[in-house]
Amino acid sequence: MSKGVHANRLYSKDRDRKVLVLLDGSKESAFLFRQVEDAMKQKNFKRLILEPCFVFLLSSTDIAEIRLVEERMHILRQALPGTYFIVHLSAIFGHIELTDDNSCQGLQYLSKLEEFLSAFRTVVSREEAMRILKIRVLQKLSRITKVSKVDVKYFFHFLEIVTHFFVGGSISKMTDVVEKTLTGTTFVRPLRDVTSAEIAVALRLENVENYVLLPELKSGLSPNLHFCEASKKRSLQEMSSAFLAHFIKEGFESTIPTVLGISNKVHSPVEESCCSICDYPTSASPSLLIMIVETNHFML
């Protein structure tokens, strides 16, 4: 957390301290929430003075699971009082009126999201579309709330790095702790160098495992969770993650930092264009989504 916040001086006195903190019910987002909570409640050491607005982003098409999140939000509210918005990914397809009333916003556009996702024939293309939709909806929320900084847990896959190698894009921006997008939104990845195993241990030691509002997602029990589809159908995203996990298991812990270090040095030429969908610079062809999407009926 200190590397992503203090070291980059994101919230120094001369900067805006407002930030959107992305939550999704996973253990990684629970750890991010815990870090923000601890930093704001700190008394004996350097206290991090923030004005956080928590955004719980849901992708599930199962209404029962959405209601479950609404019921469990009181756990986080009691731990750290503040502003909490529950937003569904389908909100990207229409107008959003953010209200802090513990209800999920954007559900009226759920059918559009289901239609959009059903247009993809492969898991790989659907996962890429989901990733870009998440970026777009966060940029949309940033404009609505007029808060430029968004704290996210990781928000990148190694497949994206490979993809942007092929299209000549600048992957350094996608893998750094701080990423400034062309829309004015800044994504902050304070947990970029923290492993899932370390996060699990920290949550247990601090006795805050209840911050993981959707622990059942670990086993991928729901057939309606599109963002868990890769782990069940062996997509390229899942295989790339398993490949790196194997290196870590065998004792090559420096693999991920090495890949990140290399990716930080890959930049686009000075004269670069941008993909009209994902907003990332590219000097060759458009993003992976443009190449593989089978429909053009939706405007983001």
C-alpha atoms as a PDB file:
ATOM      1  CA  MET A   1       0.000   0.000   0.000  1.00  0.00           C
ATOM      2  CA  SER A   2       2.781   2.399   0.880  1.00  0.00           C
ATOM      3  CA  LYS A   3       4.467   1.720  -2.450  1.00  0.00           C
ATOM      4  CA  GLY A   4       1.339   2.560  -4.387  1.00  0.00           C
ATOM      5  CA  VAL A   5       0.362   5.570  -2.310  1.00  0.00           C
ATOM      6  CA  HIS A   6       3.183   7.125  -0.312  1.00  0.00           C
ATOM      7  CA  ALA A   7       6.002   6.351  -2.734  1.00  0.00           C
ATOM      8  CA  ASN A   8       4.084   7.857  -5.638  1.00  0.00           C
ATOM      9  CA  ARG A   9       2.907  10.850  -3.572  1.00  0.00           C
ATOM     10  CA  LEU A  10      -0.636  10.471  -4.869  1.00  0.00           C
ATOM     11  CA  TYR A  11      -2.262  12.071  -1.866  1.00  0.00           C
ATOM     12  CA  SER A  12       0.197  14.744  -0.762  1.00  0.00           C
ATOM     13  CA  LYS A  13      -1.050  18.055   0.556  1.00  0.00           C
ATOM     14  CA  ASP A  14      -1.113  19.747  -2.821  1.00  0.00           C
ATOM     15  CA  ARG A  15      -3.158  16.985  -4.456  1.00  0.00           C
ATOM     16  CA  ASP A  16      -6.788  15.983  -4.395  1.00  0.00           C
ATOM     17  CA  ARG A  17      -7.345  13.318  -1.735  1.00  0.00           C
ATOM     18  CA  LYS A  18     -10.592  12.021  -3.202  1.00  0.00           C
ATOM     19  CA  VAL A  19     -10.404   8.474  -4.534  1.00  0.00           C
ATOM     20  CA  LEU A  20     -12.737   5.741  -5.755  1.00  0.00           C
ATOM     21  CA  VAL A  21     -11.853   2.373  -4.214  1.00  0.00           C
ATOM     22  CA  LEU A  22     -12.968  -0.596  -6.303  1.00  0.00           C
ATOM     23  CA  LEU A  23     -14.355  -3.633  -4.458  1.00  0.00           C
ATOM     24  CA  ASP A  24     -15.722  -6.854  -5.925  1.00  0.00           C
ATOM     25  CA  GLY A  25     -16.122  -9.285  -3.026  1.00  0.00           C
ATOM     26  CA  SER A  26     -12.825 -11.102  -3.605  1.00  0.00           C
ATOM     27  CA  LYS A  27     -10.072 -11.565  -1.039  1.00  0.00           C
ATOM     28  CA  GLU A  28      -7.871  -9.138  -2.967  1.00  0.00           C
ATOM     29  CA  SER A  29     -10.424  -6.342  -2.787  1.00  0.00           C
ATOM     30  CA  ALA A  30     -11.043  -7.206   0.877  1.00  0.00           C
ATOM     31  CA  PHE A  31      -7.335  -6.723   1.529  1.00  0.00           C
ATOM     32  CA  LEU A  32      -7.384  -3.417  -0.343  1.00  0.00           C
ATOM     33  CA  PHE A  33     -10.311  -2.290   1.812  1.00  0.00           C
ATOM     34  CA  ARG A  34      -8.446  -3.366   4.943  1.00  0.00           C
ATOM     35  CA  GLN A  35      -5.381  -1.359   3.920  1.00  0.00           C
ATOM     36  CA  VAL A  36      -7.467   1.772   3.389  1.00  0.00           C
ATOM     37  CA  GLU A  37      -9.268   1.210   6.697  1.00  0.00           C
ATOM     38  CA  ASP A  38      -6.025   0.703   8.609  1.00  0.00           C
ATOM     39  CA  ALA A  39      -4.344   3.712   7.010  1.00  0.00           C
ATOM     40  CA  MET A  40      -7.245   6.021   7.833  1.00  0.00           C
ATOM     41  CA  LYS A  41      -7.538   4.814  11.438  1.00  0.00           C
ATOM     42  CA  GLN A  42      -3.811   4.984  12.122  1.00  0.00           C
ATOM     43  CA  LYS A  43      -2.863   7.057  15.179  1.00  0.00           C
ATOM     44  CA  ASN A  44       0.647   6.131  16.305  1.00  0.00           C
ATOM     45  CA  PHE A  45       2.172   6.182  12.839  1.00  0.00           C
ATOM     46  CA  LYS A  46       1.751   8.215   9.686  1.00  0.00           C
ATOM     47  CA  ARG A  47      -1.930   8.456   8.968  1.00  0.00           C
ATOM     48  CA  LEU A  48      -3.169   8.450   5.388  1.00  0.00           C
ATOM     49  CA  ILE A  49      -5.756  11.192   5.025  1.00  0.00           C
ATOM     50  CA  LEU A  50      -8.105  10.191   2.225  1.00  0.00           C
ATOM     51  CA  GLU A  51     -11.639  10.888   1.125  1.00  0.00           C
ATOM     52  CA  PRO A  52     -12.536   7.426  -0.189  1.00  0.00           C
ATOM     53  CA  CYS A  53     -15.709   6.540  -2.022  1.00  0.00           C
ATOM     54  CA  PHE A  54     -16.150   2.771  -2.228  1.00  0.00           C
ATOM     55  CA  VAL A  55     -17.572   1.260  -5.408  1.00  0.00           C
ATOM     56  CA  PHE A  56     -18.653  -2.383  -5.270  1.00  0.00           C
ATOM     57  CA  LEU A  57     -18.675  -3.524  -8.893  1.00  0.00           C
ATOM     58  CA  LEU A  58     -20.750  -6.623  -9.669  1.00  0.00           C
ATOM     59  CA  SER A  59     -20.621  -8.708 -12.830  1.00  0.00           C
ATOM     60  CA  SER A  60     -22.893 -11.571 -11.844  1.00  0.00           C
ATOM     61  CA  THR A  61     -26.142 -12.110 -13.711  1.00  0.00           C
ATOM     62  CA  ASP A  62     -27.550 -14.053 -10.759  1.00  0.00           C
ATOM     63  CA  ILE A  63     -30.002 -11.790  -8.913  1.00  0.00           C
ATOM     64  CA  ALA A  64     -29.715 -13.916  -5.749  1.00  0.00           C
ATOM     65  CA  GLU A  65     -25.987 -13.209  -5.529  1.00  0.00           C
ATOM     66  CA  ILE A  66     -26.552  -9.508  -6.116  1.00  0.00           C
ATOM     67  CA  ARG A  67     -29.028  -9.420  -3.222  1.00  0.00           C
ATOM     68  CA  LEU A  68     -26.499 -11.312  -1.100  1.00  0.00           C
ATOM     69  CA  VAL A  69     -23.966  -8.532  -1.610  1.00  0.00           C
ATOM     70  CA  GLU A  70     -26.547  -5.915  -0.683  1.00  0.00           C
ATOM     71  CA  GLU A  71     -27.228  -7.791   2.561  1.00  0.00           C
ATOM     72  CA  ARG A  72     -23.539  -8.145   3.456  1.00  0.00           C
ATOM     73  CA  MET A  73     -22.499  -4.560   2.748  1.00  0.00           C
ATOM     74  CA  HIS A  74     -23.202  -3.631   6.378  1.00  0.00           C
ATOM     75  CA  ILE A  75     -19.981  -5.463   7.328  1.00  0.00           C
ATOM     76  CA  LEU A  76     -17.863  -2.931   5.459  1.00  0.00           C
ATOM     77  CA  ARG A  77     -20.027   0.023   6.444  1.00  0.00           C
ATOM     78  CA  GLN A  78     -19.588  -0.781  10.128  1.00  0.00           C
ATOM     79  CA  ALA A  79     -15.837  -1.226   9.760  1.00  0.00           C
ATOM     80  CA  LEU A  80     -15.334   2.093   7.980  1.00  0.00           C
ATOM     81  CA  PRO A  81     -18.274   4.509   7.682  1.00  0.00           C
ATOM     82  CA  GLY A  82     -18.381   6.370   4.400  1.00  0.00           C
ATOM     83  CA  THR A  83     -19.955   6.471   0.961  1.00  0.00           C
ATOM     84  CA  TYR A  84     -20.658   3.124  -0.688  1.00  0.00           C
ATOM     85  CA  PHE A  85     -22.075   2.574  -4.158  1.00  0.00           C
ATOM     86  CA  ILE A  86     -23.098  -0.828  -5.526  1.00  0.00           C
ATOM     87  CA  VAL A  87     -22.898  -0.757  -9.318  1.00  0.00           C
ATOM     88  CA  HIS A  88     -23.523  -3.517 -11.828  1.00  0.00           C
ATOM     89  CA  LEU A  89     -21.353  -3.856 -14.904  1.00  0.00           C
ATOM     90  CA  SER A  90     -24.459  -3.557 -17.073  1.00  0.00           C
ATOM     91  CA  ALA A  91     -24.664   0.116 -16.054  1.00  0.00           C
ATOM     92  CA  ILE A  92     -22.237   0.817 -18.896  1.00  0.00           C
ATOM     93  CA  PHE A  93     -25.157   0.482 -21.326  1.00  0.00           C
ATOM     94  CA  GLY A  94     -27.238   3.327 -19.904  1.00  0.00           C
ATOM     95  CA  HIS A  95     -27.585   6.253 -17.541  1.00  0.00           C
ATOM     96  CA  ILE A  96     -26.434   5.864 -13.935  1.00  0.00           C
ATOM     97  CA  GLU A  97     -27.805   7.714 -10.933  1.00  0.00           C
ATOM     98  CA  LEU A  98     -25.513   6.915  -8.027  1.00  0.00           C
ATOM     99  CA  THR A  99     -27.278   6.638  -4.677  1.00  0.00           C
ATOM    100  CA  ASP A 100     -25.841   5.476  -1.369  1.00  0.00           C
ATOM    101  CA  ASP A 101     -28.899   3.422  -0.450  1.00  0.00           C
ATOM    102  CA  ASN A 102     -27.405  -0.093  -0.503  1.00  0.00           C
ATOM    103  CA  SER A 103     -29.140  -0.986  -3.769  1.00  0.00           C
ATOM    104  CA  CYS A 104     -27.398  -2.148  -6.928  1.00  0.00           C
ATOM    105  CA  GLN A 105     -27.420   0.456  -9.687  1.00  0.00           C
ATOM    106  CA  GLY A 106     -27.711  -0.474 -13.362  1.00  0.00           C
ATOM    107  CA  LEU A 107     -29.719  -3.676 -13.078  1.00  0.00           C
ATOM    108  CA  GLN A 108     -32.276  -2.308 -15.531  1.00  0.00           C
ATOM    109  CA  TYR A 109     -29.695  -2.855 -18.283  1.00  0.00           C
ATOM    110  CA  LEU A 110     -28.878  -6.434 -17.296  1.00  0.00           C
ATOM    111  CA  SER A 111     -30.543  -7.893 -20.392  1.00  0.00           C
ATOM    112  CA  LYS A 112     -28.273  -5.784 -22.621  1.00  0.00           C
ATOM    113  CA  LEU A 113     -25.191  -7.141 -20.881  1.00  0.00           C
ATOM    114  CA  GLU A 114     -26.402 -10.722 -21.278  1.00  0.00           C
ATOM    115  CA  GLU A 115     -27.114 -10.139 -24.966  1.00  0.00           C
ATOM    116  CA  PHE A 116     -23.700  -8.557 -25.444  1.00  0.00           C
ATOM    117  CA  LEU A 117     -21.830 -11.415 -23.755  1.00  0.00           C
ATOM    118  CA  SER A 118     -23.781 -14.080 -25.603  1.00  0.00           C
ATOM    119  CA  ALA A 119     -22.497 -12.622 -28.891  1.00  0.00           C
ATOM    120  CA  PHE A 120     -19.004 -14.001 -28.228  1.00  0.00           C
ATOM    121  CA  ARG A 121     -18.180 -17.522 -29.365  1.00  0.00           C
ATOM    122  CA  THR A 122     -15.038 -18.007 -27.295  1.00  0.00           C
ATOM    123  CA  VAL A 123     -14.155 -17.570 -23.643  1.00  0.00           C
ATOM    124  CA  VAL A 124     -11.042 -15.601 -24.573  1.00  0.00           C
ATOM    125  CA  SER A 125     -12.954 -12.915 -26.436  1.00  0.00           C
ATOM    126  CA  ARG A 126     -15.620 -12.744 -23.734  1.00  0.00           C
ATOM    127  CA  GLU A 127     -12.998 -12.292 -21.014  1.00  0.00           C
ATOM    128  CA  GLU A 128     -11.343  -9.493 -22.985  1.00  0.00           C
ATOM    129  CA  ALA A 129     -14.714  -7.807 -23.468  1.00  0.00           C
ATOM    130  CA  MET A 130     -15.443  -8.055 -19.745  1.00  0.00           C
ATOM    131  CA  ARG A 131     -12.097  -6.487 -18.918  1.00  0.00           C
ATOM    132  CA  ILE A 132     -12.696  -3.541 -21.216  1.00  0.00           C
ATOM    133  CA  LEU A 133     -16.252  -3.083 -19.935  1.00  0.00           C
ATOM    134  CA  LYS A 134     -14.893  -2.842 -16.381  1.00  0.00           C
ATOM    135  CA  ILE A 135     -12.417  -0.178 -17.430  1.00  0.00           C
ATOM    136  CA  ARG A 136     -15.131   1.749 -19.239  1.00  0.00           C
ATOM    137  CA  VAL A 137     -17.607   1.642 -16.372  1.00  0.00           C
ATOM    138  CA  LEU A 138     -14.943   2.857 -13.929  1.00  0.00           C
ATOM    139  CA  GLN A 139     -14.095   5.723 -16.255  1.00  0.00           C
ATOM    140  CA  LYS A 140     -17.799   6.508 -16.446  1.00  0.00           C
ATOM    141  CA  LEU A 141     -18.109   6.512 -12.655  1.00  0.00           C
ATOM    142  CA  SER A 142     -15.034   8.718 -12.455  1.00  0.00           C
ATOM    143  CA  ARG A 143     -16.714  11.296 -14.691  1.00  0.00           C
ATOM    144  CA  ILE A 144     -19.991  11.155 -12.773  1.00  0.00           C
ATOM    145  CA  THR A 145     -18.394  11.550  -9.342  1.00  0.00           C
ATOM    146  CA  LYS A 146     -15.686  13.924 -10.632  1.00  0.00           C
ATOM    147  CA  VAL A 147     -13.062  11.804  -8.856  1.00  0.00           C
ATOM    148  CA  SER A 148     -10.080  11.120 -11.097  1.00  0.00           C
ATOM    149  CA  LYS A 149      -8.232   8.482  -9.033  1.00  0.00           C
ATOM    150  CA  VAL A 150      -9.440   4.873  -8.852  1.00  0.00           C
ATOM    151  CA  ASP A 151      -7.753   2.321  -6.577  1.00  0.00           C
ATOM    152  CA  VAL A 152      -7.994  -1.193  -8.004  1.00  0.00           C
ATOM    153  CA  LYS A 153      -6.607  -4.522  -6.813  1.00  0.00           C
ATOM    154  CA  TYR A 154      -4.661  -5.673  -9.906  1.00  0.00           C
ATOM    155  CA  PHE A 155      -6.694  -4.993 -13.025  1.00  0.00           C
ATOM    156  CA  PHE A 156      -4.513  -6.621 -15.628  1.00  0.00           C
ATOM    157  CA  HIS A 157      -3.844 -10.091 -17.037  1.00  0.00           C
ATOM    158  CA  PHE A 158      -0.671 -11.390 -18.560  1.00  0.00           C
ATOM    159  CA  LEU A 159      -2.704 -12.144 -21.674  1.00  0.00           C
ATOM    160  CA  GLU A 160      -3.090  -8.389 -22.126  1.00  0.00           C
ATOM    161  CA  ILE A 161       0.683  -7.994 -22.153  1.00  0.00           C
ATOM    162  CA  VAL A 162       1.038 -10.612 -24.889  1.00  0.00           C
ATOM    163  CA  THR A 163      -1.847  -9.079 -26.837  1.00  0.00           C
ATOM    164  CA  HIS A 164      -0.331  -5.615 -26.831  1.00  0.00           C
ATOM    165  CA  PHE A 165       3.010  -7.001 -27.942  1.00  0.00           C
ATOM    166  CA  PHE A 166       1.243  -8.139 -31.118  1.00  0.00           C
ATOM    167  CA  VAL A 167      -0.506  -4.818 -31.789  1.00  0.00           C
ATOM    168  CA  GLY A 168       2.494  -2.679 -30.896  1.00  0.00           C
ATOM    169  CA  GLY A 169       0.814  -1.059 -27.936  1.00  0.00           C
ATOM    170  CA  SER A 170       2.338   0.541 -24.877  1.00  0.00           C
ATOM    171  CA  ILE A 171       2.028  -2.103 -22.176  1.00  0.00           C
ATOM    172  CA  SER A 172       4.081  -0.149 -19.649  1.00  0.00           C
ATOM    173  CA  LYS A 173       1.010   1.911 -18.783  1.00  0.00           C
ATOM    174  CA  MET A 174      -1.043  -1.228 -18.185  1.00  0.00           C
ATOM    175  CA  THR A 175       1.326  -2.781 -15.671  1.00  0.00           C
ATOM    176  CA  ASP A 176       2.643   0.113 -13.614  1.00  0.00           C
ATOM    177  CA  VAL A 177       1.430   1.002 -10.112  1.00  0.00           C
ATOM    178  CA  VAL A 178      -0.009   4.243 -11.475  1.00  0.00           C
ATOM    179  CA  GLU A 179      -1.715   4.389 -14.871  1.00  0.00           C
ATOM    180  CA  LYS A 180      -2.983   7.674 -16.274  1.00  0.00           C
ATOM    181  CA  THR A 181      -5.533   7.084 -19.019  1.00  0.00           C
ATOM    182  CA  LEU A 182      -6.413   9.436 -21.847  1.00  0.00           C
ATOM    183  CA  THR A 183      -9.878  10.013 -20.397  1.00  0.00           C
ATOM    184  CA  GLY A 184      -8.403  11.678 -17.307  1.00  0.00           C
ATOM    185  CA  THR A 185      -8.948   8.713 -14.994  1.00  0.00           C
ATOM    186  CA  THR A 186      -5.915   7.470 -13.066  1.00  0.00           C
ATOM    187  CA  PHE A 187      -5.843   3.799 -12.057  1.00  0.00           C
ATOM    188  CA  VAL A 188      -3.760   3.000  -8.977  1.00  0.00           C
ATOM    189  CA  ARG A 189      -2.642  -0.568  -8.257  1.00  0.00           C
ATOM    190  CA  PRO A 190      -1.264  -0.382  -4.698  1.00  0.00           C
ATOM    191  CA  LEU A 191      -1.270  -4.188  -4.375  1.00  0.00           C
ATOM    192  CA  ARG A 192       0.463  -4.949  -7.653  1.00  0.00           C
ATOM    193  CA  ASP A 193       3.414  -6.735  -6.068  1.00  0.00           C
ATOM    194  CA  VAL A 194       1.450  -8.572  -3.357  1.00  0.00           C
ATOM    195  CA  THR A 195       0.671 -12.240  -3.981  1.00  0.00           C
ATOM    196  CA  SER A 196      -2.687 -13.912  -3.355  1.00  0.00           C
ATOM    197  CA  ALA A 197      -1.074 -16.220  -0.789  1.00  0.00           C
ATOM    198  CA  GLU A 198       0.242 -13.246   1.185  1.00  0.00           C
ATOM    199  CA  ILE A 199      -3.176 -11.617   1.067  1.00  0.00           C
ATOM    200  CA  ALA A 200      -4.893 -14.755   2.382  1.00  0.00           C
ATOM    201  CA  VAL A 201      -2.458 -14.977   5.307  1.00  0.00           C
ATOM    202  CA  ALA A 202      -2.847 -11.284   6.144  1.00  0.00           C
ATOM    203  CA  LEU A 203      -6.641 -11.482   6.192  1.00  0.00           C
ATOM    204  CA  ARG A 204      -6.528 -14.473   8.535  1.00  0.00           C
ATOM    205  CA  LEU A 205      -3.958 -12.955  10.893  1.00  0.00           C
ATOM    206  CA  GLU A 206      -5.929  -9.728  11.159  1.00  0.00           C
ATOM    207  CA  ASN A 207      -9.186 -11.668  11.571  1.00  0.00           C
ATOM    208  CA  VAL A 208     -10.948  -9.803   8.764  1.00  0.00           C
ATOM    209  CA  GLU A 209     -11.811 -12.694   6.467  1.00  0.00           C
ATOM    210  CA  ASN A 210     -15.426 -11.583   6.774  1.00  0.00           C
ATOM    211  CA  TYR A 211     -14.479  -8.652   4.514  1.00  0.00           C
ATOM    212  CA  VAL A 212     -14.541 -11.175   1.658  1.00  0.00           C
ATOM    213  CA  LEU A 213     -18.229 -10.740   0.910  1.00  0.00           C
ATOM    214  CA  LEU A 214     -18.360 -13.453  -1.733  1.00  0.00           C
ATOM    215  CA  PRO A 215     -16.072 -16.257  -0.482  1.00  0.00           C
ATOM    216  CA  GLU A 216     -17.998 -18.855  -2.452  1.00  0.00           C
ATOM    217  CA  LEU A 217     -16.580 -17.396  -5.663  1.00  0.00           C
ATOM    218  CA  LYS A 218     -13.315 -19.184  -4.915  1.00  0.00           C
ATOM    219  CA  SER A 219     -14.806 -22.451  -6.083  1.00  0.00           C
ATOM    220  CA  GLY A 220     -16.754 -20.915  -8.949  1.00  0.00           C
ATOM    221  CA  LEU A 221     -20.041 -22.441  -7.863  1.00  0.00           C
ATOM    222  CA  SER A 222     -22.279 -20.099  -9.805  1.00  0.00           C
ATOM    223  CA  PRO A 223     -22.825 -20.799 -13.510  1.00  0.00           C
ATOM    224  CA  ASN A 224     -23.884 -17.178 -13.997  1.00  0.00           C
ATOM    225  CA  LEU A 225     -20.623 -15.487 -13.061  1.00  0.00           C
ATOM    226  CA  HIS A 226     -19.052 -14.572 -16.366  1.00  0.00           C
ATOM    227  CA  PHE A 227     -15.866 -13.321 -14.746  1.00  0.00           C
ATOM    228  CA  CYS A 228     -15.235 -16.816 -13.307  1.00  0.00           C
ATOM    229  CA  GLU A 229     -15.755 -18.501 -16.647  1.00  0.00           C
ATOM    230  CA  ALA A 230     -12.085 -18.623 -17.568  1.00  0.00           C
ATOM    231  CA  SER A 231     -11.205 -20.723 -14.531  1.00  0.00           C
ATOM    232  CA  LYS A 232     -13.856 -23.291 -15.422  1.00  0.00           C
ATOM    233  CA  LYS A 233     -13.338 -23.550 -19.174  1.00  0.00           C
ATOM    234  CA  ARG A 234      -9.543 -23.357 -19.344  1.00  0.00           C
ATOM    235  CA  SER A 235      -9.219 -20.183 -21.370  1.00  0.00           C
ATOM    236  CA  LEU A 236      -5.932 -18.529 -22.315  1.00  0.00           C
ATOM    237  CA  GLN A 237      -6.311 -16.196 -19.334  1.00  0.00           C
ATOM    238  CA  GLU A 238      -6.473 -19.105 -16.921  1.00  0.00           C
ATOM    239  CA  MET A 239      -3.662 -21.003 -18.607  1.00  0.00           C
ATOM    240  CA  SER A 240      -1.356 -17.980 -18.510  1.00  0.00           C
ATOM    241  CA  SER A 241      -2.062 -17.539 -14.803  1.00  0.00           C
ATOM    242  CA  ALA A 242      -1.456 -21.246 -14.159  1.00  0.00           C
ATOM    243  CA  PHE A 243       1.804 -21.067 -16.102  1.00  0.00           C
ATOM    244  CA  LEU A 244       3.118 -18.289 -13.869  1.00  0.00           C
ATOM    245  CA  ALA A 245       1.769 -19.979 -10.734  1.00  0.00           C
ATOM    246  CA  HIS A 246       3.794 -23.064 -11.642  1.00  0.00           C
ATOM    247  CA  PHE A 247       7.002 -21.023 -11.687  1.00  0.00           C
ATOM    248  CA  ILE A 248       6.209 -19.590  -8.271  1.00  0.00           C
ATOM    249  CA  LYS A 249       5.408 -23.046  -6.898  1.00  0.00           C
ATOM    250  CA  GLU A 250       8.747 -24.345  -8.158  1.00  0.00           C
ATOM    251  CA  GLY A 251      10.607 -21.578  -6.352  1.00  0.00           C
ATOM    252  CA  PHE A 252      11.013 -18.991  -9.108  1.00  0.00           C
ATOM    253  CA  GLU A 253       9.275 -16.191  -7.217  1.00  0.00           C
ATOM    254  CA  SER A 254      11.030 -13.492  -9.246  1.00  0.00           C
ATOM    255  CA  THR A 255       9.189 -14.474 -12.429  1.00  0.00           C
ATOM    256  CA  ILE A 256       6.349 -11.989 -12.070  1.00  0.00           C
ATOM    257  CA  PRO A 257       8.523  -8.989 -11.084  1.00  0.00           C
ATOM    258  CA  THR A 258      10.762  -9.816 -14.052  1.00  0.00           C
ATOM    259  CA  VAL A 259       7.834  -9.827 -16.473  1.00  0.00           C
ATOM    260  CA  LEU A 260       6.534  -6.591 -14.993  1.00  0.00           C
ATOM    261  CA  GLY A 261       9.981  -5.052 -15.198  1.00  0.00           C
ATOM    262  CA  ILE A 262      10.250  -5.916 -18.884  1.00  0.00           C
ATOM    263  CA  SER A 263       6.731  -4.709 -19.637  1.00  0.00           C
ATOM    264  CA  ASN A 264       7.451  -1.340 -18.044  1.00  0.00           C
ATOM    265  CA  LYS A 265      10.081  -0.741 -20.716  1.00  0.00           C
ATOM    266  CA  VAL A 266       7.839  -1.433 -23.711  1.00  0.00           C
ATOM    267  CA  HIS A 267       6.489   1.831 -25.106  1.00  0.00           C
ATOM    268  CA  SER A 268       4.714   2.879 -28.262  1.00  0.00           C
ATOM    269  CA  PRO A 269       6.412   5.179 -30.788  1.00  0.00           C
ATOM    270  CA  VAL A 270       5.930   8.913 -30.403  1.00  0.00           C
ATOM    271  CA  GLU A 271       3.376   9.031 -33.203  1.00  0.00           C
ATOM    272  CA  GLU A 272       0.778   6.674 -31.795  1.00  0.00           C
ATOM    273  CA  SER A 273      -2.932   6.250 -32.273  1.00  0.00           C
ATOM    274  CA  CYS A 274      -5.451   4.927 -29.781  1.00  0.00           C
ATOM    275  CA  CYS A 275      -7.927   2.103 -29.937  1.00  0.00           C
ATOM    276  CA  SER A 276     -11.463   3.496 -30.067  1.00  0.00           C
ATOM    277  CA  ILE A 277     -12.711   0.828 -27.652  1.00  0.00           C
ATOM    278  CA  CYS A 278     -10.053   0.234 -25.014  1.00  0.00           C
ATOM    279  CA  ASP A 279      -8.347   3.673 -25.201  1.00  0.00           C
ATOM    280  CA  TYR A 280      -4.857   2.178 -25.066  1.00  0.00           C
ATOM    281  CA  PRO A 281      -2.180   3.491 -27.472  1.00  0.00           C
ATOM    282  CA  THR A 282      -1.395   1.305 -30.451  1.00  0.00           C
ATOM    283  CA  SER A 283       0.871   1.804 -33.434  1.00  0.00           C
ATOM    284  CA  ALA A 284      -0.463  -1.048 -35.531  1.00  0.00           C
ATOM    285  CA  SER A 285      -3.884  -2.646 -35.387  1.00  0.00           C
ATOM    286  CA  PRO A 286      -6.774  -2.018 -32.960  1.00  0.00           C
ATOM    287  CA  SER A 287      -7.277  -3.859 -29.677  1.00  0.00           C
ATOM    288  CA  LEU A 288      -7.954  -7.565 -29.371  1.00  0.00           C
ATOM    289  CA  LEU A 289     -11.635  -6.844 -28.840  1.00  0.00           C
ATOM    290  CA  ILE A 290     -11.995  -5.158 -32.225  1.00  0.00           C
ATOM    291  CA  MET A 291     -10.390  -8.150 -33.921  1.00  0.00           C
ATOM    292  CA  ILE A 292     -12.560 -10.773 -32.245  1.00  0.00           C
ATOM    293  CA  VAL A 293     -15.881  -9.131 -31.424  1.00  0.00           C
ATOM    294  CA  GLU A 294     -18.711 -10.613 -33.471  1.00  0.00           C
ATOM    295  CA  THR A 295     -21.222  -7.806 -33.006  1.00  0.00           C
ATOM    296  CA  ASN A 296     -21.348  -4.043 -33.391  1.00  0.00           C
ATOM    297  CA  HIS A 297     -24.763  -3.382 -31.910  1.00  0.00           C
ATOM    298  CA  PHE A 298     -23.497  -1.776 -28.728  1.00  0.00           C
ATOM    299  CA  MET A 299     -21.977   1.621 -28.169  1.00  0.00           C
ATOM    300  CA  LEU A 300     -19.895   2.031 -25.015  1.00  0.00           C
END
